[in-house]
Amino acid sequence: MAITKVVTLQRVETYPGIEADPSADPPIEATDPTLMVVLNETFNAASDPDLPVTASNVKHFSKGDDVSSMPTLVQTIATAIWA
């Protein structure tokens, strides 16, 4: 029997960008908001009594990163914060 993998979105966190402050010492450059995505990956096989097993997969994204492989909700959030 094959092992199956099911990926579910556990949460998405957005972190605000930093506003530029050229008068600071040292000067602070502006940054864009970022995303942290947590996915739960569950592995299962009916013939293996030690399964299912769930692992967390954490991904970080910045403006310009490719989020096309992420769930639709993540893509929607990315589009909104980087517009």
PDB file of N, CA and C in Angstrom:
ATOM      1  N   MET A   1       0.842  -1.182   0.000  1.00  0.00           N
ATOM      2  CA  MET A   1       0.000   0.000   0.000  1.00  0.00           C
ATOM      3  C   MET A   1       0.889   1.248   0.000  1.00  0.00           C
ATOM      4  N   ALA A   2       0.479   2.232  -0.717  1.00  0.00           N
ATOM      5  CA  ALA A   2       1.247   3.470  -0.823  1.00  0.00           C
ATOM      6  C   ALA A   2       0.966   4.395   0.356  1.00  0.00           C
ATOM      7  N   ILE A   3       1.943   5.211   0.644  1.00  0.00           N
ATOM      8  CA  ILE A   3       1.768   6.245   1.668  1.00  0.00           C
ATOM      9  C   ILE A   3       1.139   7.458   0.998  1.00  0.00           C
ATOM     10  N   THR A   4       0.115   7.993   1.647  1.00  0.00           N
ATOM     11  CA  THR A   4      -0.529   9.195   1.124  1.00  0.00           C
ATOM     12  C   THR A   4      -0.102  10.399   1.946  1.00  0.00           C
ATOM     13  N   LYS A   5      -0.107  11.551   1.290  1.00  0.00           N
ATOM     14  CA  LYS A   5       0.263  12.799   1.949  1.00  0.00           C
ATOM     15  C   LYS A   5      -0.864  13.797   1.715  1.00  0.00           C
ATOM     16  N   VAL A   6      -1.373  14.365   2.817  1.00  0.00           N
ATOM     17  CA  VAL A   6      -2.415  15.379   2.731  1.00  0.00           C
ATOM     18  C   VAL A   6      -1.865  16.653   3.368  1.00  0.00           C
ATOM     19  N   VAL A   7      -1.912  17.749   2.620  1.00  0.00           N
ATOM     20  CA  VAL A   7      -1.404  19.029   3.107  1.00  0.00           C
ATOM     21  C   VAL A   7      -2.588  19.937   3.407  1.00  0.00           C
ATOM     22  N   THR A   8      -2.613  20.496   4.631  1.00  0.00           N
ATOM     23  CA  THR A   8      -3.660  21.437   5.007  1.00  0.00           C
ATOM     24  C   THR A   8      -3.016  22.714   5.534  1.00  0.00           C
ATOM     25  N   LEU A   9      -3.665  23.812   5.250  1.00  0.00           N
ATOM     26  CA  LEU A   9      -3.187  25.101   5.734  1.00  0.00           C
ATOM     27  C   LEU A   9      -3.549  25.234   7.200  1.00  0.00           C
ATOM     28  N   GLN A  10      -2.547  25.437   8.042  1.00  0.00           N
ATOM     29  CA  GLN A  10      -2.801  25.592   9.468  1.00  0.00           C
ATOM     30  C   GLN A  10      -2.995  27.050   9.827  1.00  0.00           C
ATOM     31  N   ARG A  11      -2.108  27.933   9.321  1.00  0.00           N
ATOM     32  CA  ARG A  11      -2.280  29.365   9.570  1.00  0.00           C
ATOM     33  C   ARG A  11      -1.378  30.184   8.663  1.00  0.00           C
ATOM     34  N   VAL A  12      -1.766  31.454   8.528  1.00  0.00           N
ATOM     35  CA  VAL A  12      -0.986  32.434   7.789  1.00  0.00           C
ATOM     36  C   VAL A  12      -0.817  33.632   8.715  1.00  0.00           C
ATOM     37  N   GLU A  13       0.413  34.083   8.864  1.00  0.00           N
ATOM     38  CA  GLU A  13       0.676  35.281   9.660  1.00  0.00           C
ATOM     39  C   GLU A  13       1.310  36.318   8.752  1.00  0.00           C
ATOM     40  N   THR A  14       0.864  37.562   8.895  1.00  0.00           N
ATOM     41  CA  THR A  14       1.469  38.653   8.136  1.00  0.00           C
ATOM     42  C   THR A  14       2.221  39.540   9.112  1.00  0.00           C
ATOM     43  N   TYR A  15       3.343  40.033   8.658  1.00  0.00           N
ATOM     44  CA  TYR A  15       4.167  40.934   9.468  1.00  0.00           C
ATOM     45  C   TYR A  15       4.327  42.240   8.700  1.00  0.00           C
ATOM     46  N   PRO A  16       4.066  43.361   9.360  1.00  0.00           N
ATOM     47  CA  PRO A  16       4.116  44.634   8.650  1.00  0.00           C
ATOM     48  C   PRO A  16       5.525  44.989   8.215  1.00  0.00           C
ATOM     49  N   GLY A  17       5.585  45.788   7.165  1.00  0.00           N
ATOM     50  CA  GLY A  17       6.867  46.314   6.729  1.00  0.00           C
ATOM     51  C   GLY A  17       7.306  47.427   7.668  1.00  0.00           C
ATOM     52  N   ILE A  18       8.518  47.874   7.496  1.00  0.00           N
ATOM     53  CA  ILE A  18       9.078  48.948   8.317  1.00  0.00           C
ATOM     54  C   ILE A  18       9.131  50.216   7.474  1.00  0.00           C
ATOM     55  N   GLU A  19       8.698  51.315   8.056  1.00  0.00           N
ATOM     56  CA  GLU A  19       8.783  52.588   7.342  1.00  0.00           C
ATOM     57  C   GLU A  19      10.221  53.095   7.364  1.00  0.00           C
ATOM     58  N   ALA A  20      10.582  53.762   6.297  1.00  0.00           N
ATOM     59  CA  ALA A  20      11.939  54.312   6.196  1.00  0.00           C
ATOM     60  C   ALA A  20      12.114  55.464   7.187  1.00  0.00           C
ATOM     61  N   ASP A  21      13.294  55.551   7.754  1.00  0.00           N
ATOM     62  CA  ASP A  21      13.650  56.670   8.632  1.00  0.00           C
ATOM     63  C   ASP A  21      15.091  57.062   8.310  1.00  0.00           C
ATOM     64  N   PRO A  22      15.249  57.924   7.290  1.00  0.00           N
ATOM     65  CA  PRO A  22      16.606  58.292   6.879  1.00  0.00           C
ATOM     66  C   PRO A  22      17.343  59.120   7.929  1.00  0.00           C
ATOM     67  N   SER A  23      16.611  59.677   8.903  1.00  0.00           N
ATOM     68  CA  SER A  23      17.271  60.495   9.923  1.00  0.00           C
ATOM     69  C   SER A  23      17.805  59.658  11.087  1.00  0.00           C
ATOM     70  N   ALA A  24      17.468  58.372  11.112  1.00  0.00           N
ATOM     71  CA  ALA A  24      17.952  57.501  12.186  1.00  0.00           C
ATOM     72  C   ALA A  24      19.446  57.260  12.019  1.00  0.00           C
ATOM     73  N   ASP A  25      20.081  56.854  13.103  1.00  0.00           N
ATOM     74  CA  ASP A  25      21.510  56.569  13.057  1.00  0.00           C
ATOM     75  C   ASP A  25      21.746  55.126  13.458  1.00  0.00           C
ATOM     76  N   PRO A  26      21.968  54.205  12.570  1.00  0.00           N
ATOM     77  CA  PRO A  26      22.101  54.356  11.121  1.00  0.00           C
ATOM     78  C   PRO A  26      20.718  54.497  10.469  1.00  0.00           C
ATOM     79  N   PRO A  27      20.649  55.024   9.252  1.00  0.00           N
ATOM     80  CA  PRO A  27      19.370  55.189   8.553  1.00  0.00           C
ATOM     81  C   PRO A  27      18.653  53.848   8.376  1.00  0.00           C
ATOM     82  N   ILE A  28      17.328  53.875   8.448  1.00  0.00           N
ATOM     83  CA  ILE A  28      16.518  52.663   8.301  1.00  0.00           C
ATOM     84  C   ILE A  28      15.858  52.688   6.928  1.00  0.00           C
ATOM     85  N   GLU A  29      16.054  51.621   6.162  1.00  0.00           N
ATOM     86  CA  GLU A  29      15.424  51.504   4.855  1.00  0.00           C
ATOM     87  C   GLU A  29      14.045  50.874   5.007  1.00  0.00           C
ATOM     88  N   ALA A  30      13.118  51.271   4.133  1.00  0.00           N
ATOM     89  CA  ALA A  30      11.765  50.715   4.158  1.00  0.00           C
ATOM     90  C   ALA A  30      11.788  49.249   3.735  1.00  0.00           C
ATOM     91  N   THR A  31      10.911  48.456   4.340  1.00  0.00           N
ATOM     92  CA  THR A  31      10.750  47.061   3.942  1.00  0.00           C
ATOM     93  C   THR A  31       9.276  46.797   3.675  1.00  0.00           C
ATOM     94  N   ASP A  32       8.998  45.778   2.874  1.00  0.00           N
ATOM     95  CA  ASP A  32       7.622  45.385   2.559  1.00  0.00           C
ATOM     96  C   ASP A  32       7.131  44.375   3.589  1.00  0.00           C
ATOM     97  N   PRO A  33       5.788  44.238   3.709  1.00  0.00           N
ATOM     98  CA  PRO A  33       5.251  43.209   4.603  1.00  0.00           C
ATOM     99  C   PRO A  33       5.729  41.814   4.174  1.00  0.00           C
ATOM    100  N   THR A  34       5.758  40.894   5.124  1.00  0.00           N
ATOM    101  CA  THR A  34       6.145  39.512   4.831  1.00  0.00           C
ATOM    102  C   THR A  34       5.055  38.555   5.311  1.00  0.00           C
ATOM    103  N   LEU A  35       5.135  37.324   4.852  1.00  0.00           N
ATOM    104  CA  LEU A  35       4.180  36.275   5.219  1.00  0.00           C
ATOM    105  C   LEU A  35       4.908  35.095   5.839  1.00  0.00           C
ATOM    106  N   MET A  36       4.262  34.494   6.841  1.00  0.00           N
ATOM    107  CA  MET A  36       4.699  33.198   7.342  1.00  0.00           C
ATOM    108  C   MET A  36       3.515  32.256   7.164  1.00  0.00           C
ATOM    109  N   VAL A  37       3.749  31.133   6.508  1.00  0.00           N
ATOM    110  CA  VAL A  37       2.707  30.156   6.229  1.00  0.00           C
ATOM    111  C   VAL A  37       3.065  28.853   6.946  1.00  0.00           C
ATOM    112  N   VAL A  38       2.114  28.309   7.685  1.00  0.00           N
ATOM    113  CA  VAL A  38       2.325  27.028   8.366  1.00  0.00           C
ATOM    114  C   VAL A  38       1.381  26.004   7.738  1.00  0.00           C
ATOM    115  N   LEU A  39       1.972  24.948   7.197  1.00  0.00           N
ATOM    116  CA  LEU A  39       1.212  23.862   6.575  1.00  0.00           C
ATOM    117  C   LEU A  39       1.367  22.604   7.431  1.00  0.00           C
ATOM    118  N   ASN A  40       0.270  21.860   7.611  1.00  0.00           N
ATOM    119  CA  ASN A  40       0.343  20.555   8.259  1.00  0.00           C
ATOM    120  C   ASN A  40       0.369  19.497   7.166  1.00  0.00           C
ATOM    121  N   GLU A  41       1.352  18.614   7.228  1.00  0.00           N
ATOM    122  CA  GLU A  41       1.490  17.533   6.259  1.00  0.00           C
ATOM    123  C   GLU A  41       1.254  16.208   6.981  1.00  0.00           C
ATOM    124  N   THR A  42       0.187  15.525   6.609  1.00  0.00           N
ATOM    125  CA  THR A  42      -0.179  14.265   7.256  1.00  0.00           C
ATOM    126  C   THR A  42       0.128  13.110   6.306  1.00  0.00           C
ATOM    127  N   PHE A  43       0.926  12.169   6.795  1.00  0.00           N
ATOM    128  CA  PHE A  43       1.313  10.984   6.036  1.00  0.00           C
ATOM    129  C   PHE A  43       0.580   9.789   6.619  1.00  0.00           C
ATOM    130  N   ASN A  44      -0.015   8.946   5.736  1.00  0.00           N
ATOM    131  CA  ASN A  44      -0.800   7.831   6.221  1.00  0.00           C
ATOM    132  C   ASN A  44      -0.701   6.654   5.251  1.00  0.00           C
ATOM    133  N   ALA A  45      -0.797   5.458   5.804  1.00  0.00           N
ATOM    134  CA  ALA A  45      -0.893   4.208   5.034  1.00  0.00           C
ATOM    135  C   ALA A  45      -1.685   3.237   5.883  1.00  0.00           C
ATOM    136  N   ALA A  46      -2.706   2.666   5.317  1.00  0.00           N
ATOM    137  CA  ALA A  46      -3.577   1.754   6.060  1.00  0.00           C
ATOM    138  C   ALA A  46      -2.816   0.551   6.615  1.00  0.00           C
ATOM    139  N   SER A  47      -1.755   0.129   5.943  1.00  0.00           N
ATOM    140  CA  SER A  47      -1.016  -1.066   6.356  1.00  0.00           C
ATOM    141  C   SER A  47       0.047  -0.787   7.422  1.00  0.00           C
ATOM    142  N   ASP A  48       0.253   0.479   7.801  1.00  0.00           N
ATOM    143  CA  ASP A  48       1.301   0.831   8.770  1.00  0.00           C
ATOM    144  C   ASP A  48       0.668   1.311  10.074  1.00  0.00           C
ATOM    145  N   PRO A  49       0.829   0.542  11.152  1.00  0.00           N
ATOM    146  CA  PRO A  49       0.211   0.922  12.430  1.00  0.00           C
ATOM    147  C   PRO A  49       0.844   2.166  13.069  1.00  0.00           C
ATOM    148  N   ASP A  50       2.029   2.566  12.620  1.00  0.00           N
ATOM    149  CA  ASP A  50       2.680   3.760  13.173  1.00  0.00           C
ATOM    150  C   ASP A  50       2.196   5.052  12.508  1.00  0.00           C
ATOM    151  N   LEU A  51       1.367   4.938  11.505  1.00  0.00           N
ATOM    152  CA  LEU A  51       0.835   6.105  10.819  1.00  0.00           C
ATOM    153  C   LEU A  51      -0.640   6.277  11.172  1.00  0.00           C
ATOM    154  N   PRO A  52      -1.191   7.443  11.131  1.00  0.00           N
ATOM    155  CA  PRO A  52      -0.694   8.650  10.483  1.00  0.00           C
ATOM    156  C   PRO A  52       0.281   9.432  11.356  1.00  0.00           C
ATOM    157  N   VAL A  53       1.094  10.225  10.668  1.00  0.00           N
ATOM    158  CA  VAL A  53       2.036  11.140  11.301  1.00  0.00           C
ATOM    159  C   VAL A  53       1.814  12.509  10.673  1.00  0.00           C
ATOM    160  N   THR A  54       1.788  13.540  11.517  1.00  0.00           N
ATOM    161  CA  THR A  54       1.620  14.903  11.013  1.00  0.00           C
ATOM    162  C   THR A  54       2.862  15.716  11.346  1.00  0.00           C
ATOM    163  N   ALA A  55       3.351  16.428  10.344  1.00  0.00           N
ATOM    164  CA  ALA A  55       4.505  17.305  10.520  1.00  0.00           C
ATOM    165  C   ALA A  55       4.122  18.710  10.080  1.00  0.00           C
ATOM    166  N   SER A  56       4.731  19.695  10.699  1.00  0.00           N
ATOM    167  CA  SER A  56       4.496  21.088  10.315  1.00  0.00           C
ATOM    168  C   SER A  56       5.601  21.538   9.365  1.00  0.00           C
ATOM    169  N   ASN A  57       5.199  22.287   8.358  1.00  0.00           N
ATOM    170  CA  ASN A  57       6.130  22.833   7.382  1.00  0.00           C
ATOM    171  C   ASN A  57       5.928  24.348   7.386  1.00  0.00           C
ATOM    172  N   VAL A  58       6.950  25.101   7.778  1.00  0.00           N
ATOM    173  CA  VAL A  58       6.850  26.560   7.883  1.00  0.00           C
ATOM    174  C   VAL A  58       7.595  27.192   6.714  1.00  0.00           C
ATOM    175  N   LYS A  59       6.915  28.116   6.036  1.00  0.00           N
ATOM    176  CA  LYS A  59       7.512  28.803   4.897  1.00  0.00           C
ATOM    177  C   LYS A  59       7.395  30.308   5.115  1.00  0.00           C
ATOM    178  N   HIS A  60       8.428  31.042   4.700  1.00  0.00           N
ATOM    179  CA  HIS A  60       8.449  32.503   4.805  1.00  0.00           C
ATOM    180  C   HIS A  60       8.528  33.093   3.408  1.00  0.00           C
ATOM    181  N   PHE A  61       7.722  34.133   3.159  1.00  0.00           N
ATOM    182  CA  PHE A  61       7.682  34.766   1.853  1.00  0.00           C
ATOM    183  C   PHE A  61       7.836  36.275   1.976  1.00  0.00           C
ATOM    184  N   SER A  62       8.557  36.846   1.020  1.00  0.00           N
ATOM    185  CA  SER A  62       8.718  38.290   0.895  1.00  0.00           C
ATOM    186  C   SER A  62       8.152  38.710  -0.442  1.00  0.00           C
ATOM    187  N   LYS A  63       7.942  40.019  -0.609  1.00  0.00           N
ATOM    188  CA  LYS A  63       7.420  40.537  -1.869  1.00  0.00           C
ATOM    189  C   LYS A  63       8.311  40.071  -3.017  1.00  0.00           C
ATOM    190  N   GLY A  64       7.674  39.565  -4.068  1.00  0.00           N
ATOM    191  CA  GLY A  64       8.406  39.067  -5.223  1.00  0.00           C
ATOM    192  C   GLY A  64       8.603  37.563  -5.214  1.00  0.00           C
ATOM    193  N   ASP A  65       8.407  36.909  -4.065  1.00  0.00           N
ATOM    194  CA  ASP A  65       8.535  35.451  -4.001  1.00  0.00           C
ATOM    195  C   ASP A  65       7.356  34.787  -4.715  1.00  0.00           C
ATOM    196  N   ASP A  66       7.577  33.605  -5.244  1.00  0.00           N
ATOM    197  CA  ASP A  66       6.542  32.847  -5.946  1.00  0.00           C
ATOM    198  C   ASP A  66       5.684  32.092  -4.929  1.00  0.00           C
ATOM    199  N   VAL A  67       4.410  32.463  -4.821  1.00  0.00           N
ATOM    200  CA  VAL A  67       3.493  31.782  -3.899  1.00  0.00           C
ATOM    201  C   VAL A  67       2.460  30.954  -4.665  1.00  0.00           C
ATOM    202  N   SER A  68       2.704  30.708  -5.957  1.00  0.00           N
ATOM    203  CA  SER A  68       1.727  30.019  -6.796  1.00  0.00           C
ATOM    204  C   SER A  68       1.457  28.573  -6.363  1.00  0.00           C
ATOM    205  N   SER A  69       2.366  27.965  -5.636  1.00  0.00           N
ATOM    206  CA  SER A  69       2.153  26.585  -5.178  1.00  0.00           C
ATOM    207  C   SER A  69       1.422  26.527  -3.834  1.00  0.00           C
ATOM    208  N   MET A  70       1.151  27.679  -3.261  1.00  0.00           N
ATOM    209  CA  MET A  70       0.470  27.750  -1.966  1.00  0.00           C
ATOM    210  C   MET A  70      -1.052  27.727  -2.159  1.00  0.00           C
ATOM    211  N   PRO A  71      -1.801  27.389  -1.099  1.00  0.00           N
ATOM    212  CA  PRO A  71      -3.264  27.418  -1.189  1.00  0.00           C
ATOM    213  C   PRO A  71      -3.771  28.797  -1.631  1.00  0.00           C
ATOM    214  N   THR A  72      -4.966  28.813  -2.206  1.00  0.00           N
ATOM    215  CA  THR A  72      -5.565  30.029  -2.738  1.00  0.00           C
ATOM    216  C   THR A  72      -5.625  31.145  -1.703  1.00  0.00           C
ATOM    217  N   LEU A  73      -5.938  30.828  -0.466  1.00  0.00           N
ATOM    218  CA  LEU A  73      -6.022  31.852   0.579  1.00  0.00           C
ATOM    219  C   LEU A  73      -4.681  32.562   0.750  1.00  0.00           C
ATOM    220  N   VAL A  74      -3.602  31.834   0.734  1.00  0.00           N
ATOM    221  CA  VAL A  74      -2.265  32.426   0.866  1.00  0.00           C
ATOM    222  C   VAL A  74      -1.990  33.350  -0.319  1.00  0.00           C
ATOM    223  N   GLN A  75      -2.335  32.917  -1.518  1.00  0.00           N
ATOM    224  CA  GLN A  75      -2.127  33.748  -2.705  1.00  0.00           C
ATOM    225  C   GLN A  75      -2.938  35.036  -2.623  1.00  0.00           C
ATOM    226  N   THR A  76      -4.165  34.944  -2.123  1.00  0.00           N
ATOM    227  CA  THR A  76      -5.032  36.117  -1.989  1.00  0.00           C
ATOM    228  C   THR A  76      -4.446  37.103  -0.981  1.00  0.00           C
ATOM    229  N   ILE A  77      -3.977  36.607   0.143  1.00  0.00           N
ATOM    230  CA  ILE A  77      -3.385  37.458   1.162  1.00  0.00           C
ATOM    231  C   ILE A  77      -2.120  38.119   0.623  1.00  0.00           C
ATOM    232  N   ALA A  78      -1.278  37.356  -0.057  1.00  0.00           N
ATOM    233  CA  ALA A  78      -0.039  37.897  -0.626  1.00  0.00           C
ATOM    234  C   ALA A  78      -0.347  39.026  -1.608  1.00  0.00           C
ATOM    235  N   THR A  79      -1.327  38.804  -2.470  1.00  0.00           N
ATOM    236  CA  THR A  79      -1.708  39.828  -3.433  1.00  0.00           C
ATOM    237  C   THR A  79      -2.180  41.094  -2.721  1.00  0.00           C
ATOM    238  N   ALA A  80      -2.942  40.929  -1.649  1.00  0.00           N
ATOM    239  CA  ALA A  80      -3.480  42.077  -0.918  1.00  0.00           C
ATOM    240  C   ALA A  80      -2.389  42.876  -0.206  1.00  0.00           C
ATOM    241  N   ILE A  81      -1.451  42.208   0.432  1.00  0.00           N
ATOM    242  CA  ILE A  81      -0.448  42.965   1.209  1.00  0.00           C
ATOM    243  C   ILE A  81       0.668  43.524   0.350  1.00  0.00           C
ATOM    244  N   TRP A  82       0.861  42.965  -0.862  1.00  0.00           N
ATOM    245  CA  TRP A  82       1.939  43.445  -1.717  1.00  0.00           C
ATOM    246  C   TRP A  82       1.432  44.284  -2.880  1.00  0.00           C
ATOM    247  N   ALA A  83       0.160  44.666  -2.842  1.00  0.00           N
ATOM    248  CA  ALA A  83      -0.414  45.484  -3.931  1.00  0.00           C
ATOM    249  C   ALA A  83       0.114  46.899  -3.860  1.00  0.00           C
TER     250      ALA A  83
END
